[in-house]
Amino acid sequence: MRVVDAGLKLMAGVSLYRMSVLFYLVALGWLGSASVASAQYQRPQTESVGEQYHIELTYGWWDASPSLIVNSESLNILGSDVDLIQDLGIEQKKLGKINVVLRPGKKHRLRFERLPIHYEADATVKRSFVFNGQNFNVGLPVQTVANFDTYRFGYEYDFIYKPKGFFGVLFDLKYTDVNVELNSPIGAEFTKAIAPIPTIGFVGRVYPHRNLAINGEFSLFRMPEGLATKLEGGGTYTDYDFNATYNFNRYVGAQLGYRKVDISYDVDNDTGALKFTGLYFGSVIRY
């Protein structure tokens, strides 16, 4: 058994992306020093209902359709691409997620997301494969435990801000903990990849009605090809999110959206291709 710390490989020497992390940290310090003054900010009555807050909490359920393929090498024995759904019986289920937004100023937002992703399945191997140096032959009973927990820390600056909408830039640090364990009569094998990834993206919102908000955001990370070759590893992260929020008043709203997250990594001959796509719904509370 082995543990692969993909985060250290992916982040080492990524000078092109250090700027985003540095900007994020500087922004946190600046916003903290400005919080007292911004507390005096009074929002105009013409502002849309969904913008009249300092703290926003959203809890939702994501009916994500997963595509989960992992490959783990050990002892110089190359692994097979293992489809956790087709090969090991993992099934789609609703995922709970929580989002928190702190808004100390009109154009500034600090964002946090917690997205726990956990699957379990019991199945009999129908196609022989190699995982972490171990052969899993047809007919072998296997219990699979897969975790893909994700945290997101971000700063948003809305450089265009109008009463009926805004457009801004996102600087995020996404932390994804990949942990897949296969338990069987021949033993327990696992692969683990910890990947803190800085992403850059854009966000926009329009209000066709004072109480109705249409939102869209996109963020990504791409390891430069030359750097991936130098580090003998690479990875990508892409996140699309589109939703509509109806605000019953300035304090409460309901949300319906569509999201797609696509993660891939390749480190020390351990690889993964993880996709989550589907609709979500949730409730919004503001103060």
Protein backbone atom coordinates (compact mmCIF):
# COMPACT_ATOMS: atom_id res chain seq x y z
CA MET A 1 0.00 0.00 0.00
CA ARG A 2 1.17 3.53 -0.69
CA VAL A 3 0.06 7.10 -0.23
CA VAL A 4 0.61 9.54 -3.10
CA ASP A 5 0.70 13.21 -2.04
CA ALA A 6 -0.36 14.69 -5.36
CA GLY A 7 -0.70 18.14 -3.86
CA LEU A 8 3.05 18.52 -3.29
CA LYS A 9 3.81 17.44 -6.84
CA LEU A 10 1.15 19.57 -8.47
CA MET A 11 2.01 22.71 -6.52
CA ALA A 12 5.82 22.51 -6.56
CA GLY A 13 7.22 25.14 -8.84
CA VAL A 14 3.86 26.34 -10.22
CA SER A 15 5.10 29.91 -10.50
CA LEU A 16 2.44 30.89 -13.02
CA TYR A 17 -0.25 30.36 -10.42
CA ARG A 18 1.46 31.65 -7.29
CA MET A 19 0.31 35.12 -8.21
CA SER A 20 -3.33 34.14 -7.67
CA VAL A 21 -2.62 32.69 -4.23
CA LEU A 22 -0.57 35.75 -3.24
CA PHE A 23 -3.35 38.06 -4.44
CA TYR A 24 -5.87 36.09 -2.41
CA LEU A 25 -3.82 36.37 0.78
CA VAL A 26 -3.21 40.10 0.28
CA ALA A 27 -6.93 40.59 -0.34
CA LEU A 28 -7.78 38.83 2.93
CA GLY A 29 -5.47 41.13 4.86
CA TRP A 30 -6.79 44.26 3.17
CA LEU A 31 -10.40 43.30 3.69
CA GLY A 32 -9.76 42.54 7.34
CA SER A 33 -8.27 45.99 7.90
CA ALA A 34 -11.15 47.61 6.02
CA SER A 35 -13.96 45.73 7.74
CA VAL A 36 -14.66 48.40 10.35
CA ALA A 37 -15.02 51.16 7.80
CA SER A 38 -17.12 49.03 5.45
CA ALA A 39 -19.53 48.23 8.27
CA GLN A 40 -20.76 51.80 7.87
CA TYR A 41 -21.73 51.10 4.26
CA GLN A 42 -25.47 51.57 3.77
CA ARG A 43 -26.98 49.87 0.74
CA PRO A 44 -29.26 52.05 -1.39
CA GLN A 45 -32.94 51.24 -1.60
CA THR A 46 -32.61 50.80 -5.38
CA GLU A 47 -30.30 47.79 -4.92
CA SER A 48 -31.78 44.40 -5.83
CA VAL A 49 -33.14 42.29 -2.98
CA GLY A 50 -30.43 39.64 -3.37
CA GLU A 51 -27.62 42.16 -2.79
CA GLN A 52 -28.78 43.52 0.58
CA TYR A 53 -26.64 41.47 2.93
CA HIS A 54 -23.31 41.13 4.75
CA ILE A 55 -23.50 37.35 5.38
CA GLU A 56 -25.08 34.74 3.11
CA LEU A 57 -25.52 31.04 3.90
CA THR A 58 -26.68 28.51 1.30
CA TYR A 59 -27.38 24.82 1.90
CA GLY A 60 -28.23 22.65 -1.06
CA TRP A 61 -28.55 19.14 -2.45
CA TRP A 62 -26.64 18.28 -5.62
CA ASP A 63 -28.00 15.36 -7.65
CA ALA A 64 -24.63 14.83 -9.30
CA SER A 65 -24.12 12.09 -11.86
CA PRO A 66 -20.56 10.81 -11.23
CA SER A 67 -17.90 9.46 -13.57
CA LEU A 68 -15.06 8.06 -11.46
CA ILE A 69 -11.99 6.42 -12.99
CA VAL A 70 -8.81 5.83 -10.96
CA ASN A 71 -5.52 4.09 -11.64
CA SER A 72 -2.92 3.25 -8.98
CA GLU A 73 0.65 1.95 -9.52
CA SER A 74 2.79 0.24 -6.90
CA LEU A 75 6.10 -1.63 -6.81
CA ASN A 76 6.63 -0.67 -10.48
CA ILE A 77 3.49 -2.59 -11.40
CA LEU A 78 1.32 -0.37 -13.56
CA GLY A 79 -2.33 -0.29 -12.63
CA SER A 80 -5.50 -0.59 -14.69
CA ASP A 81 -8.09 2.10 -15.25
CA VAL A 82 -10.76 1.14 -12.71
CA ASP A 83 -14.27 2.49 -13.26
CA LEU A 84 -15.71 2.76 -9.76
CA ILE A 85 -19.24 2.76 -11.18
CA GLN A 86 -19.13 0.07 -13.87
CA ASP A 87 -16.51 -2.16 -12.20
CA LEU A 88 -17.30 -1.73 -8.51
CA GLY A 89 -20.96 -0.76 -8.33
CA ILE A 90 -20.89 2.79 -6.96
CA GLU A 91 -24.28 4.46 -7.51
CA GLN A 92 -25.40 8.04 -7.94
CA LYS A 93 -26.73 9.81 -4.86
CA LYS A 94 -27.55 13.34 -3.73
CA LEU A 95 -24.65 15.29 -2.25
CA GLY A 96 -25.10 17.96 0.41
CA LYS A 97 -23.12 21.19 0.08
CA ILE A 98 -22.78 24.35 2.11
CA ASN A 99 -21.68 27.78 0.89
CA VAL A 100 -20.88 30.86 2.96
CA VAL A 101 -20.31 34.37 1.56
CA LEU A 102 -19.02 37.28 3.64
CA ARG A 103 -19.54 40.69 2.03
CA PRO A 104 -17.67 43.46 3.86
CA GLY A 105 -18.02 45.88 0.92
CA LYS A 106 -20.19 46.38 -2.13
CA LYS A 107 -17.70 44.90 -4.61
CA HIS A 108 -15.88 42.44 -2.32
CA ARG A 109 -16.93 38.92 -1.29
CA LEU A 110 -15.12 36.21 0.66
CA ARG A 111 -16.40 32.75 -0.23
CA PHE A 112 -16.23 29.32 1.39
CA GLU A 113 -17.63 26.00 0.22
CA ARG A 114 -17.70 22.58 1.86
CA LEU A 115 -18.63 19.69 -0.44
CA PRO A 116 -18.31 16.25 1.21
CA ILE A 117 -18.47 13.46 -1.39
CA HIS A 118 -18.63 9.91 -0.01
CA TYR A 119 -19.55 6.65 -1.74
CA GLU A 120 -19.67 3.05 -0.57
CA ALA A 121 -20.47 -0.12 -2.51
CA ASP A 122 -20.23 -3.91 -2.27
CA ALA A 123 -19.75 -5.77 -5.53
CA THR A 124 -18.22 -8.84 -7.15
CA VAL A 125 -15.46 -8.21 -9.67
CA LYS A 126 -16.76 -8.78 -13.22
CA ARG A 127 -13.62 -7.65 -15.04
CA SER A 128 -10.09 -8.41 -13.82
CA PHE A 129 -7.90 -5.39 -13.06
CA VAL A 130 -4.74 -4.32 -11.22
CA PHE A 131 -4.97 -1.73 -8.44
CA ASN A 132 -2.04 -0.59 -6.31
CA GLY A 133 0.05 -3.57 -7.46
CA GLN A 134 -2.62 -6.16 -6.57
CA ASN A 135 -4.59 -8.33 -9.02
CA PHE A 136 -8.37 -8.29 -8.54
CA ASN A 137 -9.72 -11.26 -10.46
CA VAL A 138 -13.23 -12.04 -11.66
CA GLY A 139 -15.51 -13.30 -8.88
CA LEU A 140 -13.64 -11.60 -6.02
CA PRO A 141 -15.95 -9.76 -3.56
CA VAL A 142 -14.83 -6.16 -3.00
CA GLN A 143 -16.04 -3.42 -0.67
CA THR A 144 -15.27 0.05 -2.06
CA VAL A 145 -15.04 3.21 0.04
CA ALA A 146 -14.42 6.38 -1.97
CA ASN A 147 -14.10 9.92 -0.65
CA PHE A 148 -13.62 13.02 -2.80
CA ASP A 149 -14.07 15.77 -0.21
CA THR A 150 -13.63 19.32 -1.49
CA TYR A 151 -13.11 22.64 0.28
CA ARG A 152 -13.09 26.00 -1.48
CA PHE A 153 -11.70 29.30 -0.18
CA GLY A 154 -12.11 32.27 -2.47
CA TYR A 155 -12.10 36.00 -3.00
CA GLU A 156 -14.39 37.71 -5.51
CA TYR A 157 -14.00 41.25 -6.79
CA ASP A 158 -16.93 42.65 -8.80
CA PHE A 159 -15.20 45.24 -10.99
CA ILE A 160 -18.47 46.01 -12.79
CA TYR A 161 -21.34 46.60 -10.35
CA LYS A 162 -24.76 47.99 -11.30
CA PRO A 163 -28.19 47.93 -9.57
CA LYS A 164 -29.31 45.11 -11.91
CA GLY A 165 -26.20 42.98 -11.95
CA PHE A 166 -22.45 42.67 -11.78
CA PHE A 167 -19.42 40.98 -13.36
CA GLY A 168 -16.35 39.98 -11.41
CA VAL A 169 -13.21 37.90 -11.11
CA LEU A 170 -12.63 34.92 -8.80
CA PHE A 171 -9.43 33.83 -7.05
CA ASP A 172 -9.99 30.45 -5.40
CA LEU A 173 -7.97 27.85 -3.55
CA LYS A 174 -9.68 24.49 -3.96
CA TYR A 175 -8.58 21.64 -1.72
CA THR A 176 -9.61 18.18 -2.91
CA ASP A 177 -8.84 15.04 -0.88
CA VAL A 178 -9.10 11.90 -3.03
CA ASN A 179 -9.15 8.66 -1.04
CA VAL A 180 -10.18 5.34 -2.62
CA GLU A 181 -9.97 2.07 -0.67
CA LEU A 182 -10.72 -1.45 -1.91
CA ASN A 183 -11.25 -4.10 0.76
CA SER A 184 -11.37 -7.78 -0.19
CA PRO A 185 -10.39 -11.22 1.15
CA ILE A 186 -6.91 -10.75 -0.37
CA GLY A 187 -6.32 -7.55 1.60
CA ALA A 188 -6.93 -3.80 1.61
CA GLU A 189 -5.47 -1.53 -1.06
CA PHE A 190 -5.86 2.22 -1.35
CA THR A 191 -4.71 5.33 -3.20
CA LYS A 192 -4.71 8.84 -1.80
CA ALA A 193 -4.12 12.17 -3.54
CA ILE A 194 -4.20 15.51 -1.72
CA ALA A 195 -4.39 18.42 -4.12
CA PRO A 196 -4.61 22.08 -3.05
CA ILE A 197 -5.21 23.83 -6.39
CA PRO A 198 -5.39 27.59 -7.10
CA THR A 199 -7.99 28.48 -9.72
CA ILE A 200 -8.89 31.68 -11.53
CA GLY A 201 -12.33 32.40 -12.93
CA PHE A 202 -15.15 34.79 -13.63
CA VAL A 203 -18.60 35.35 -12.15
CA GLY A 204 -21.63 37.27 -13.35
CA ARG A 205 -25.17 38.00 -12.16
CA VAL A 206 -28.16 39.77 -13.71
CA TYR A 207 -31.55 40.71 -12.21
CA PRO A 208 -34.35 40.47 -14.80
CA HIS A 209 -36.61 41.20 -11.81
CA ARG A 210 -35.71 42.82 -8.50
CA ASN A 211 -36.30 39.52 -6.69
CA LEU A 212 -34.89 37.13 -9.32
CA ALA A 213 -31.15 36.61 -9.88
CA ILE A 214 -29.56 34.66 -12.75
CA ASN A 215 -25.99 33.64 -11.88
CA GLY A 216 -23.11 32.09 -13.74
CA GLU A 217 -19.49 31.36 -12.85
CA PHE A 218 -16.53 29.52 -14.30
CA SER A 219 -13.12 28.71 -12.82
CA LEU A 220 -10.21 26.55 -13.93
CA PHE A 221 -6.66 25.36 -13.39
CA ARG A 222 -4.36 23.94 -16.06
CA MET A 223 -0.87 22.64 -15.37
CA PRO A 224 1.41 23.99 -18.14
CA GLU A 225 2.64 21.13 -20.33
CA GLY A 226 6.31 21.94 -19.90
CA LEU A 227 5.99 22.16 -16.13
CA ALA A 228 3.99 18.92 -15.98
CA THR A 229 6.79 17.15 -17.87
CA LYS A 230 9.42 18.60 -15.53
CA LEU A 231 7.51 17.54 -12.41
CA GLU A 232 6.53 14.15 -13.87
CA GLY A 233 2.92 14.88 -13.10
CA GLY A 234 0.05 17.20 -13.89
CA GLY A 235 -3.56 18.01 -13.31
CA THR A 236 -6.58 20.05 -14.31
CA TYR A 237 -9.63 21.42 -12.53
CA THR A 238 -12.69 22.92 -14.25
CA ASP A 239 -15.86 24.13 -12.51
CA TYR A 240 -19.03 25.45 -14.22
CA ASP A 241 -21.98 26.67 -12.14
CA PHE A 242 -25.21 28.25 -13.39
CA ASN A 243 -28.26 28.93 -11.21
CA ALA A 244 -31.34 31.04 -10.63
CA THR A 245 -32.22 32.38 -7.19
CA TYR A 246 -35.62 33.75 -6.25
CA ASN A 247 -35.42 36.03 -3.22
CA PHE A 248 -38.70 36.16 -1.31
CA ASN A 249 -37.25 39.08 0.65
CA ARG A 250 -33.78 40.32 1.61
CA TYR A 251 -33.36 37.49 4.13
CA VAL A 252 -34.65 34.29 2.45
CA GLY A 253 -34.43 32.79 -1.04
CA ALA A 254 -34.65 29.53 -3.00
CA GLN A 255 -32.12 28.35 -5.58
CA LEU A 256 -32.09 25.97 -8.56
CA GLY A 257 -28.94 25.37 -10.58
CA TYR A 258 -26.73 23.18 -12.74
CA ARG A 259 -23.09 22.42 -12.00
CA LYS A 260 -20.27 20.48 -13.63
CA VAL A 261 -16.93 19.74 -11.96
CA ASP A 262 -14.14 18.00 -13.88
CA ILE A 263 -10.92 16.95 -12.09
CA SER A 264 -7.96 15.02 -13.46
CA TYR A 265 -4.53 14.25 -12.04
CA ASP A 266 -1.44 12.29 -13.08
CA VAL A 267 1.29 11.87 -10.47
CA ASP A 268 3.90 9.11 -10.21
CA ASN A 269 1.84 6.85 -12.50
CA ASP A 270 -1.25 7.31 -10.34
CA THR A 271 -4.06 8.91 -12.33
CA GLY A 272 -7.67 9.88 -11.89
CA ALA A 273 -10.50 11.31 -13.99
CA LEU A 274 -13.39 12.52 -11.82
CA LYS A 275 -16.53 14.20 -13.14
CA PHE A 276 -19.68 15.32 -11.32
CA THR A 277 -22.56 16.76 -13.32
CA GLY A 278 -26.19 17.56 -12.49
CA LEU A 279 -28.89 19.78 -11.07
CA TYR A 280 -28.96 21.11 -7.51
CA PHE A 281 -31.42 22.97 -5.36
CA GLY A 282 -31.08 24.80 -2.08
CA SER A 283 -32.22 27.47 0.33
CA VAL A 284 -30.55 30.82 1.01
CA ILE A 285 -30.43 32.78 4.27
CA ARG A 286 -28.93 36.28 4.49
CA TYR A 287 -28.26 38.93 7.07
